[in-house]
N, C-alpha and C. Protein backbone atom coordinates (compact mmCIF):
# COMPACT_ATOMS: atom_id res chain seq x y z
N MET A 1 13.84 37.23 18.40
CA MET A 1 14.65 35.97 18.64
C MET A 1 14.95 35.58 17.14
N ASN A 2 16.08 34.91 17.17
CA ASN A 2 16.64 34.34 15.74
C ASN A 2 15.89 33.39 15.06
N GLY A 3 15.47 33.64 13.79
CA GLY A 3 14.77 32.57 13.05
C GLY A 3 15.06 31.15 13.02
N ASN A 4 16.58 30.90 13.41
CA ASN A 4 17.23 29.87 13.53
C ASN A 4 16.53 28.97 14.78
N ILE A 5 16.68 29.73 15.95
CA ILE A 5 16.06 29.18 17.35
C ILE A 5 14.92 29.00 17.19
N ILE A 6 13.88 29.86 16.33
CA ILE A 6 12.51 29.61 16.33
C ILE A 6 12.36 28.13 15.44
N LEU A 7 13.21 27.85 14.40
CA LEU A 7 13.02 26.52 13.83
C LEU A 7 13.48 25.41 14.82
N LEU A 8 14.17 25.59 15.61
CA LEU A 8 14.56 24.37 16.39
C LEU A 8 13.60 24.24 17.76
N ILE A 9 12.72 25.51 17.96
CA ILE A 9 11.91 25.33 19.14
C ILE A 9 10.99 24.33 18.36
N LEU A 10 10.49 25.03 17.29
CA LEU A 10 8.96 24.33 16.59
C LEU A 10 9.67 22.86 16.07
N ALA A 11 10.88 22.50 15.72
CA ALA A 11 11.20 21.09 15.72
C ALA A 11 11.20 20.28 16.71
N GLY A 12 11.64 20.84 17.92
CA GLY A 12 11.53 20.10 19.21
C GLY A 12 10.06 19.99 19.58
N ALA A 13 9.33 20.89 19.61
CA ALA A 13 7.88 20.66 19.83
C ALA A 13 7.08 19.69 19.16
N ALA A 14 7.63 19.52 17.69
CA ALA A 14 6.90 18.56 16.87
C ALA A 14 7.48 17.19 17.26
N LEU A 15 8.76 17.08 17.40
CA LEU A 15 9.44 15.75 17.95
C LEU A 15 8.73 15.36 18.98
N LEU A 16 8.51 16.19 20.19
CA LEU A 16 7.74 15.81 21.17
C LEU A 16 6.66 15.26 21.10
N LEU A 17 5.58 16.10 20.42
CA LEU A 17 4.35 15.85 20.05
C LEU A 17 4.20 14.48 19.25
N GLY A 18 5.27 14.16 18.51
CA GLY A 18 5.30 13.04 17.84
C GLY A 18 5.62 11.88 18.68
N PHE A 19 6.41 12.16 19.54
CA PHE A 19 6.79 10.86 20.62
C PHE A 19 5.53 10.64 20.91
N PHE A 20 4.77 11.60 21.72
CA PHE A 20 3.29 11.27 22.42
C PHE A 20 2.23 10.75 21.68
N GLY A 21 2.43 11.08 20.23
CA GLY A 21 1.40 10.74 19.27
C GLY A 21 1.75 8.87 19.16
N SER A 22 2.69 8.37 19.40
CA SER A 22 3.18 7.23 19.38
C SER A 22 2.17 6.16 20.04
N PHE A 23 1.64 6.79 21.38
CA PHE A 23 0.66 5.81 21.92
C PHE A 23 -0.69 6.51 22.30
N LEU A 24 -0.77 7.90 21.65
CA LEU A 24 -2.04 8.86 21.73
C LEU A 24 -2.58 8.99 20.34
N PRO A 25 -3.55 7.97 19.89
CA PRO A 25 -3.94 7.98 18.63
C PRO A 25 -4.61 9.34 18.02
N ILE A 26 -4.58 10.36 19.07
CA ILE A 26 -5.34 11.44 18.42
C ILE A 26 -4.06 12.49 17.71
N LEU A 27 -2.83 11.98 17.79
CA LEU A 27 -1.76 12.72 17.09
C LEU A 27 -1.31 11.88 16.29
N PRO A 28 -0.62 12.33 15.33
CA PRO A 28 -0.09 11.61 13.89
C PRO A 28 1.27 11.10 14.27
N GLY A 29 1.81 10.85 15.50
CA GLY A 29 3.13 10.29 15.82
C GLY A 29 4.09 10.49 14.91
N LEU A 30 4.81 9.37 14.31
CA LEU A 30 5.88 9.58 13.57
C LEU A 30 6.00 10.51 12.39
N PRO A 31 4.82 10.73 11.79
CA PRO A 31 4.89 11.67 10.88
C PRO A 31 5.06 13.11 11.32
N LEU A 32 4.72 13.08 12.38
CA LEU A 32 4.85 14.71 12.97
C LEU A 32 6.18 14.80 13.62
N ALA A 33 6.73 13.72 13.97
CA ALA A 33 8.22 13.70 14.69
C ALA A 33 9.24 13.74 13.57
N TRP A 34 8.83 13.14 12.44
CA TRP A 34 9.34 13.49 10.93
C TRP A 34 9.57 14.82 10.79
N ALA A 35 8.38 15.38 10.68
CA ALA A 35 8.42 16.59 10.25
C ALA A 35 9.00 17.61 11.21
N GLY A 36 9.02 17.41 12.56
CA GLY A 36 10.21 18.03 13.45
C GLY A 36 11.74 18.09 12.68
N LEU A 37 12.22 16.72 12.47
CA LEU A 37 13.32 16.50 11.89
C LEU A 37 13.34 17.68 10.49
N LEU A 38 12.53 17.45 9.70
CA LEU A 38 12.56 18.28 8.54
C LEU A 38 12.72 19.85 8.67
N ILE A 39 11.80 20.11 9.73
CA ILE A 39 11.97 21.70 10.16
C ILE A 39 13.34 22.03 10.57
N ALA A 40 14.01 21.08 11.52
CA ALA A 40 15.43 21.42 11.91
C ALA A 40 16.40 21.37 10.90
N ARG A 41 15.87 20.58 9.75
CA ARG A 41 16.94 20.70 8.71
C ARG A 41 17.40 22.16 8.25
N PHE A 42 16.08 23.32 8.26
CA PHE A 42 16.34 24.19 7.76
C PHE A 42 17.02 25.39 8.83
N SER A 43 17.44 24.93 9.76
CA SER A 43 18.20 25.66 10.84
C SER A 43 19.38 25.59 10.49
N ALA A 44 20.26 26.77 10.50
CA ALA A 44 21.65 26.72 10.70
C ALA A 44 22.31 26.21 11.58
N TYR A 45 21.75 25.84 12.87
CA TYR A 45 22.20 25.28 14.00
C TYR A 45 22.29 23.85 13.96
N SER A 46 21.41 23.09 12.91
CA SER A 46 21.25 21.67 12.78
C SER A 46 22.27 21.14 11.85
N GLU A 47 22.80 20.20 11.94
CA GLU A 47 23.78 19.41 10.94
C GLU A 47 22.94 18.26 10.38
N LEU A 48 21.61 18.18 10.30
CA LEU A 48 20.82 17.02 9.53
C LEU A 48 21.41 17.32 8.01
N THR A 49 21.42 16.10 7.52
CA THR A 49 21.52 15.98 6.05
C THR A 49 20.28 15.53 5.36
N THR A 50 20.42 15.85 4.09
CA THR A 50 19.19 15.28 3.21
C THR A 50 19.10 13.84 3.39
N ASN A 51 20.20 13.23 3.31
CA ASN A 51 20.21 11.74 3.22
C ASN A 51 19.49 11.23 4.64
N THR A 52 19.85 12.00 5.81
CA THR A 52 19.10 11.52 7.10
C THR A 52 17.86 11.60 7.15
N ILE A 53 17.34 12.86 6.63
CA ILE A 53 15.91 13.13 6.58
C ILE A 53 15.30 12.15 5.50
N ILE A 54 15.69 11.80 4.28
CA ILE A 54 15.17 10.63 3.46
C ILE A 54 15.09 9.35 4.39
N GLY A 55 16.20 9.15 4.77
CA GLY A 55 16.48 7.69 5.57
C GLY A 55 15.16 7.62 6.74
N CYS A 56 15.10 8.70 7.49
CA CYS A 56 14.07 8.74 8.58
C CYS A 56 12.66 8.78 7.82
N LEU A 57 12.43 9.45 6.87
CA LEU A 57 11.12 9.39 6.08
C LEU A 57 10.72 7.80 5.90
N LEU A 58 11.70 7.18 5.08
CA LEU A 58 11.49 5.69 4.90
C LEU A 58 11.13 4.97 6.15
N VAL A 59 11.91 5.12 7.02
CA VAL A 59 11.67 4.55 8.30
C VAL A 59 10.21 5.01 8.99
N THR A 60 10.00 5.87 8.81
CA THR A 60 8.62 6.72 9.27
C THR A 60 7.50 5.79 8.53
N VAL A 61 7.68 5.65 7.16
CA VAL A 61 6.57 4.90 6.22
C VAL A 61 6.71 3.50 6.76
N LEU A 62 7.70 2.98 6.71
CA LEU A 62 8.01 1.48 7.28
C LEU A 62 7.24 1.20 8.50
N VAL A 63 7.61 1.90 9.72
CA VAL A 63 7.03 1.83 10.90
C VAL A 63 5.46 2.09 10.99
N THR A 64 5.11 2.97 10.29
CA THR A 64 3.39 3.27 10.06
C THR A 64 2.88 2.14 9.44
N ILE A 65 3.59 1.53 8.39
CA ILE A 65 2.78 0.37 7.77
C ILE A 65 2.91 -0.76 8.73
N LEU A 66 4.06 -1.06 9.45
CA LEU A 66 3.86 -1.99 10.50
C LEU A 66 2.87 -2.10 11.51
N ASP A 67 2.80 -0.67 11.77
CA ASP A 67 1.89 -0.47 13.24
C ASP A 67 0.47 -0.50 12.55
N SER A 68 0.05 -0.56 11.41
CA SER A 68 -1.15 -0.66 10.81
C SER A 68 -1.52 -2.20 10.75
N VAL A 69 -0.36 -3.02 10.22
CA VAL A 69 -0.65 -4.54 9.97
C VAL A 69 -0.60 -5.12 11.13
N ALA A 70 0.58 -4.95 12.22
CA ALA A 70 0.62 -5.61 13.23
C ALA A 70 -0.48 -6.09 14.08
N PRO A 71 -1.29 -5.09 14.38
CA PRO A 71 -2.62 -5.65 15.29
C PRO A 71 -3.36 -6.89 14.53
N VAL A 72 -3.65 -6.50 13.32
CA VAL A 72 -4.28 -7.31 12.34
C VAL A 72 -3.78 -8.64 12.43
N TRP A 73 -2.46 -8.79 11.94
CA TRP A 73 -1.83 -9.79 11.94
C TRP A 73 -1.80 -10.80 13.19
N PHE A 74 -1.57 -10.05 14.42
CA PHE A 74 -1.57 -10.82 15.69
C PHE A 74 -3.02 -11.26 15.98
N THR A 75 -4.06 -10.45 15.47
CA THR A 75 -5.35 -10.91 15.96
C THR A 75 -5.63 -12.25 14.90
N ARG A 76 -5.29 -11.92 13.74
CA ARG A 76 -5.57 -13.23 12.86
C ARG A 76 -4.65 -14.71 13.05
N ARG A 77 -3.52 -14.44 13.57
CA ARG A 77 -2.78 -15.56 13.81
C ARG A 77 -3.68 -16.13 15.11
N ALA A 78 -4.19 -15.63 16.06
CA ALA A 78 -5.08 -16.28 17.09
C ALA A 78 -6.43 -16.71 16.71
N GLY A 79 -6.71 -16.38 15.23
CA GLY A 79 -8.14 -16.88 15.00
C GLY A 79 -9.33 -15.69 15.11
N GLY A 80 -8.77 -14.33 15.65
CA GLY A 80 -9.75 -13.25 15.67
C GLY A 80 -10.50 -12.84 14.23
N THR A 81 -11.33 -12.34 14.51
CA THR A 81 -12.22 -11.58 13.29
C THR A 81 -12.24 -10.12 13.24
N LYS A 82 -12.77 -9.74 12.39
CA LYS A 82 -13.07 -8.23 12.05
C LYS A 82 -13.73 -7.70 13.36
N ALA A 83 -14.71 -8.25 13.87
CA ALA A 83 -15.27 -7.82 15.22
C ALA A 83 -14.43 -7.51 16.27
N GLY A 84 -13.52 -8.46 16.44
CA GLY A 84 -12.50 -8.19 17.49
C GLY A 84 -11.64 -6.94 17.19
N SER A 85 -11.12 -6.88 15.88
CA SER A 85 -10.36 -5.70 15.43
C SER A 85 -11.17 -4.18 15.75
N ARG A 86 -12.35 -4.43 15.38
CA ARG A 86 -13.25 -3.27 15.61
C ARG A 86 -13.29 -2.86 17.16
N GLY A 87 -13.49 -3.97 17.89
CA GLY A 87 -13.83 -3.89 19.38
C GLY A 87 -12.59 -3.32 19.95
N ALA A 88 -11.43 -3.59 19.36
CA ALA A 88 -10.38 -3.01 20.19
C ALA A 88 -10.18 -1.54 19.85
N THR A 89 -10.39 -1.14 18.53
CA THR A 89 -10.49 0.25 18.24
C THR A 89 -11.57 0.99 19.16
N VAL A 90 -12.69 0.52 19.21
CA VAL A 90 -13.50 1.13 20.36
C VAL A 90 -13.03 1.07 21.68
N GLY A 91 -12.24 0.11 22.14
CA GLY A 91 -11.68 0.04 23.38
C GLY A 91 -10.73 0.94 23.54
N LEU A 92 -9.93 1.28 22.42
CA LEU A 92 -8.78 2.16 22.46
C LEU A 92 -9.34 3.53 22.81
N LEU A 93 -10.05 3.83 21.82
CA LEU A 93 -10.99 5.17 22.01
C LEU A 93 -11.57 5.48 23.39
N ILE A 94 -12.03 4.29 23.93
CA ILE A 94 -12.84 4.70 25.34
C ILE A 94 -11.69 4.73 26.22
N GLY A 95 -10.58 3.78 26.01
CA GLY A 95 -9.71 3.76 27.13
C GLY A 95 -8.62 5.03 27.13
N LEU A 96 -8.87 5.84 26.18
CA LEU A 96 -8.20 7.18 26.39
C LEU A 96 -8.59 8.08 27.44
N PHE A 97 -9.96 7.74 28.01
CA PHE A 97 -10.48 8.69 28.89
C PHE A 97 -9.84 8.06 30.29
N PHE A 98 -9.14 6.90 30.59
CA PHE A 98 -8.82 6.29 31.70
C PHE A 98 -7.14 6.25 31.88
N GLY A 99 -6.61 7.15 31.20
CA GLY A 99 -5.09 7.12 31.17
C GLY A 99 -4.44 6.08 30.68
N LEU A 100 -3.19 5.91 30.85
CA LEU A 100 -2.36 4.88 30.61
C LEU A 100 -2.92 3.33 30.53
N ALA A 101 -3.48 3.04 31.86
CA ALA A 101 -4.08 1.69 31.97
C ALA A 101 -5.29 1.62 30.96
N GLY A 102 -5.85 2.39 30.67
CA GLY A 102 -6.97 2.56 29.57
C GLY A 102 -6.58 2.26 28.29
N ILE A 103 -5.52 2.94 27.93
CA ILE A 103 -4.99 2.92 26.71
C ILE A 103 -4.43 1.57 26.30
N ILE A 104 -3.98 0.81 27.40
CA ILE A 104 -3.35 -0.65 27.11
C ILE A 104 -4.39 -1.57 27.40
N LEU A 105 -5.41 -1.49 28.35
CA LEU A 105 -6.42 -2.48 28.62
C LEU A 105 -7.58 -2.19 27.70
N GLY A 106 -8.01 -0.87 27.11
CA GLY A 106 -9.01 -0.75 26.32
C GLY A 106 -9.00 -1.71 25.30
N PRO A 107 -7.96 -1.69 24.35
CA PRO A 107 -7.98 -2.36 23.15
C PRO A 107 -8.45 -4.13 23.64
N LEU A 108 -7.54 -4.63 24.62
CA LEU A 108 -7.83 -5.92 25.17
C LEU A 108 -9.35 -6.13 25.51
N VAL A 109 -10.00 -5.22 26.22
CA VAL A 109 -11.11 -5.36 26.51
C VAL A 109 -12.24 -5.45 25.22
N GLY A 110 -11.95 -4.30 24.66
CA GLY A 110 -12.82 -4.15 23.39
C GLY A 110 -12.51 -5.33 22.35
N ALA A 111 -11.58 -5.83 22.04
CA ALA A 111 -11.44 -6.91 21.38
C ALA A 111 -12.12 -8.08 21.92
N PHE A 112 -11.94 -8.45 23.00
CA PHE A 112 -12.76 -9.55 23.76
C PHE A 112 -14.33 -9.28 23.55
N VAL A 113 -14.84 -7.93 23.86
CA VAL A 113 -16.27 -7.90 23.72
C VAL A 113 -16.52 -7.97 22.27
N GLY A 114 -15.77 -7.65 21.18
CA GLY A 114 -16.05 -7.79 19.92
C GLY A 114 -16.17 -9.19 19.37
N GLU A 115 -15.16 -10.05 19.89
CA GLU A 115 -15.19 -11.48 19.72
C GLU A 115 -16.21 -12.17 20.15
N LEU A 116 -16.84 -12.04 21.48
CA LEU A 116 -17.80 -12.35 22.21
C LEU A 116 -19.24 -11.88 21.27
N ILE A 117 -19.34 -10.62 20.77
CA ILE A 117 -20.51 -10.53 20.02
C ILE A 117 -20.39 -11.13 18.60
N HIS A 118 -19.44 -11.52 18.28
CA HIS A 118 -19.35 -12.28 17.08
C HIS A 118 -19.82 -13.78 17.33
N ASP A 119 -19.26 -14.32 18.50
CA ASP A 119 -19.56 -15.66 18.62
C ASP A 119 -19.54 -15.84 20.28
N VAL A 120 -20.71 -15.70 20.82
CA VAL A 120 -20.86 -15.80 22.36
C VAL A 120 -20.24 -17.11 23.09
N ARG A 121 -20.34 -17.92 22.18
CA ARG A 121 -19.95 -19.47 22.72
C ARG A 121 -18.59 -19.67 22.88
N ASP A 122 -17.60 -18.92 22.23
CA ASP A 122 -16.37 -19.37 22.35
C ASP A 122 -15.49 -18.21 23.11
N THR A 123 -15.58 -18.36 24.36
CA THR A 123 -14.84 -17.18 25.10
C THR A 123 -13.32 -17.41 24.97
N LYS A 124 -12.89 -18.79 24.93
CA LYS A 124 -11.45 -19.16 24.97
C LYS A 124 -10.91 -18.34 23.66
N LYS A 125 -11.61 -18.65 22.58
CA LYS A 125 -11.02 -17.88 21.41
C LYS A 125 -11.12 -16.48 21.25
N ALA A 126 -12.25 -16.06 22.00
CA ALA A 126 -12.18 -14.63 22.00
C ALA A 126 -11.24 -13.84 23.14
N PHE A 127 -10.84 -14.71 24.17
CA PHE A 127 -9.79 -14.33 24.94
C PHE A 127 -8.41 -14.35 24.30
N ASN A 128 -8.18 -15.41 23.52
CA ASN A 128 -6.83 -15.63 22.69
C ASN A 128 -6.69 -14.33 21.86
N ALA A 129 -7.81 -14.01 21.10
CA ALA A 129 -7.73 -13.19 20.05
C ALA A 129 -7.56 -11.75 20.62
N ALA A 130 -8.33 -11.35 21.77
CA ALA A 130 -7.93 -10.29 22.55
C ALA A 130 -6.70 -9.90 23.02
N LEU A 131 -6.02 -11.02 23.59
CA LEU A 131 -4.72 -11.04 24.04
C LEU A 131 -3.80 -10.91 22.81
N SER A 132 -4.01 -11.52 21.72
CA SER A 132 -3.00 -11.26 20.55
C SER A 132 -3.25 -9.74 19.98
N THR A 133 -4.56 -9.37 20.06
CA THR A 133 -4.91 -7.97 19.65
C THR A 133 -4.08 -6.97 20.66
N LEU A 134 -3.91 -7.09 21.87
CA LEU A 134 -3.23 -6.50 22.79
C LEU A 134 -1.75 -6.54 22.41
N LEU A 135 -1.23 -7.53 22.11
CA LEU A 135 0.10 -7.85 21.74
C LEU A 135 0.62 -7.13 20.54
N GLY A 136 -0.36 -7.27 19.56
CA GLY A 136 -0.09 -6.30 18.33
C GLY A 136 0.04 -4.98 18.46
N PHE A 137 -1.11 -4.48 19.32
CA PHE A 137 -1.12 -3.14 19.77
C PHE A 137 0.47 -2.56 20.44
N LEU A 138 0.84 -3.50 21.41
CA LEU A 138 1.99 -3.18 22.29
C LEU A 138 3.24 -3.06 21.33
N PHE A 139 2.95 -4.04 20.31
CA PHE A 139 4.18 -4.13 19.38
C PHE A 139 4.33 -2.76 18.70
N GLY A 140 3.30 -2.53 18.04
CA GLY A 140 3.04 -1.37 17.05
C GLY A 140 3.62 -0.08 18.05
N THR A 141 2.90 0.20 19.25
CA THR A 141 3.03 1.24 19.87
C THR A 141 4.69 1.44 20.35
N GLY A 142 5.20 0.15 20.63
CA GLY A 142 6.55 0.10 21.39
C GLY A 142 7.48 0.44 19.98
N ILE A 143 7.19 -0.03 19.13
CA ILE A 143 8.16 0.13 17.79
C ILE A 143 8.26 1.77 17.37
N LYS A 144 6.83 2.35 17.35
CA LYS A 144 6.57 3.81 17.27
C LYS A 144 7.47 4.74 18.53
N MET A 145 7.44 4.18 19.60
CA MET A 145 7.95 4.87 20.68
C MET A 145 9.49 4.84 20.48
N ILE A 146 9.98 3.54 20.01
CA ILE A 146 11.49 3.50 19.85
C ILE A 146 11.71 4.45 18.77
N THR A 147 11.20 4.33 17.68
CA THR A 147 11.63 5.31 16.56
C THR A 147 11.42 6.58 16.83
N GLY A 148 10.53 7.21 17.61
CA GLY A 148 10.21 8.44 17.95
C GLY A 148 11.33 8.85 18.95
N ALA A 149 11.72 8.07 19.77
CA ALA A 149 12.85 8.33 20.76
C ALA A 149 14.24 8.52 19.81
N VAL A 150 14.43 7.80 19.05
CA VAL A 150 15.53 7.72 17.81
C VAL A 150 15.61 9.18 17.08
N PHE A 151 14.55 9.49 16.81
CA PHE A 151 14.28 10.83 16.18
C PHE A 151 14.78 11.85 16.88
N ILE A 152 14.24 11.73 18.20
CA ILE A 152 14.56 12.81 19.05
C ILE A 152 15.99 12.81 19.46
N TRP A 153 16.67 11.66 19.53
CA TRP A 153 18.10 11.56 19.66
C TRP A 153 18.92 12.16 18.41
N ILE A 154 18.52 11.89 17.16
CA ILE A 154 19.03 12.42 16.18
C ILE A 154 19.00 14.03 16.02
N PHE A 155 17.95 14.38 16.48
CA PHE A 155 17.73 15.79 16.27
C PHE A 155 18.81 16.52 17.60
N ILE A 156 18.79 15.84 18.84
CA ILE A 156 19.97 16.61 19.62
C ILE A 156 21.13 16.38 19.19
N GLN A 157 21.63 15.22 18.51
CA GLN A 157 23.03 15.05 18.31
C GLN A 157 23.37 16.04 16.97
N SER A 158 22.10 16.72 16.24
CA SER A 158 22.41 17.40 15.15
C SER A 158 22.71 18.91 15.49
N VAL A 159 22.26 19.17 16.68
CA VAL A 159 22.41 20.55 17.13
C VAL A 159 23.48 20.60 18.09
N LEU A 160 24.19 19.44 18.72
CA LEU A 160 25.17 19.70 19.71
C LEU A 160 26.69 19.75 19.27
């Protein structure tokens, strides 16, 4: 098999894994998708430019930062605490075993439980913080999925 074809297959696999990593925290998501673009850059069949690779790297860094900050920012805006953020993380990890619904609802339930552990008397605040944590998670996940899809589109366009 031609080395250029192997590079494109590896690039495509990295891009797909990176896309799935945008909502599965066990995969590095966008960095993996960006690595797919970088691999494709070295194939003679790809028309990716160095400027495109650098631009996508900058977008990857920006989106990764946004993804890290968004849940905390959303939670803090609703008066949430570190306990809620930790609970959301634990909820997400447990939710992985329950499919898509678990991935979405796990952080919500985890943040709610975390906030209740912090202050059992204020269920309204706990619910608001949990809902905000979920919104932050969905925002971060959504922006990663959109970016990953755009990277896949860029890859496809570069080889057509």
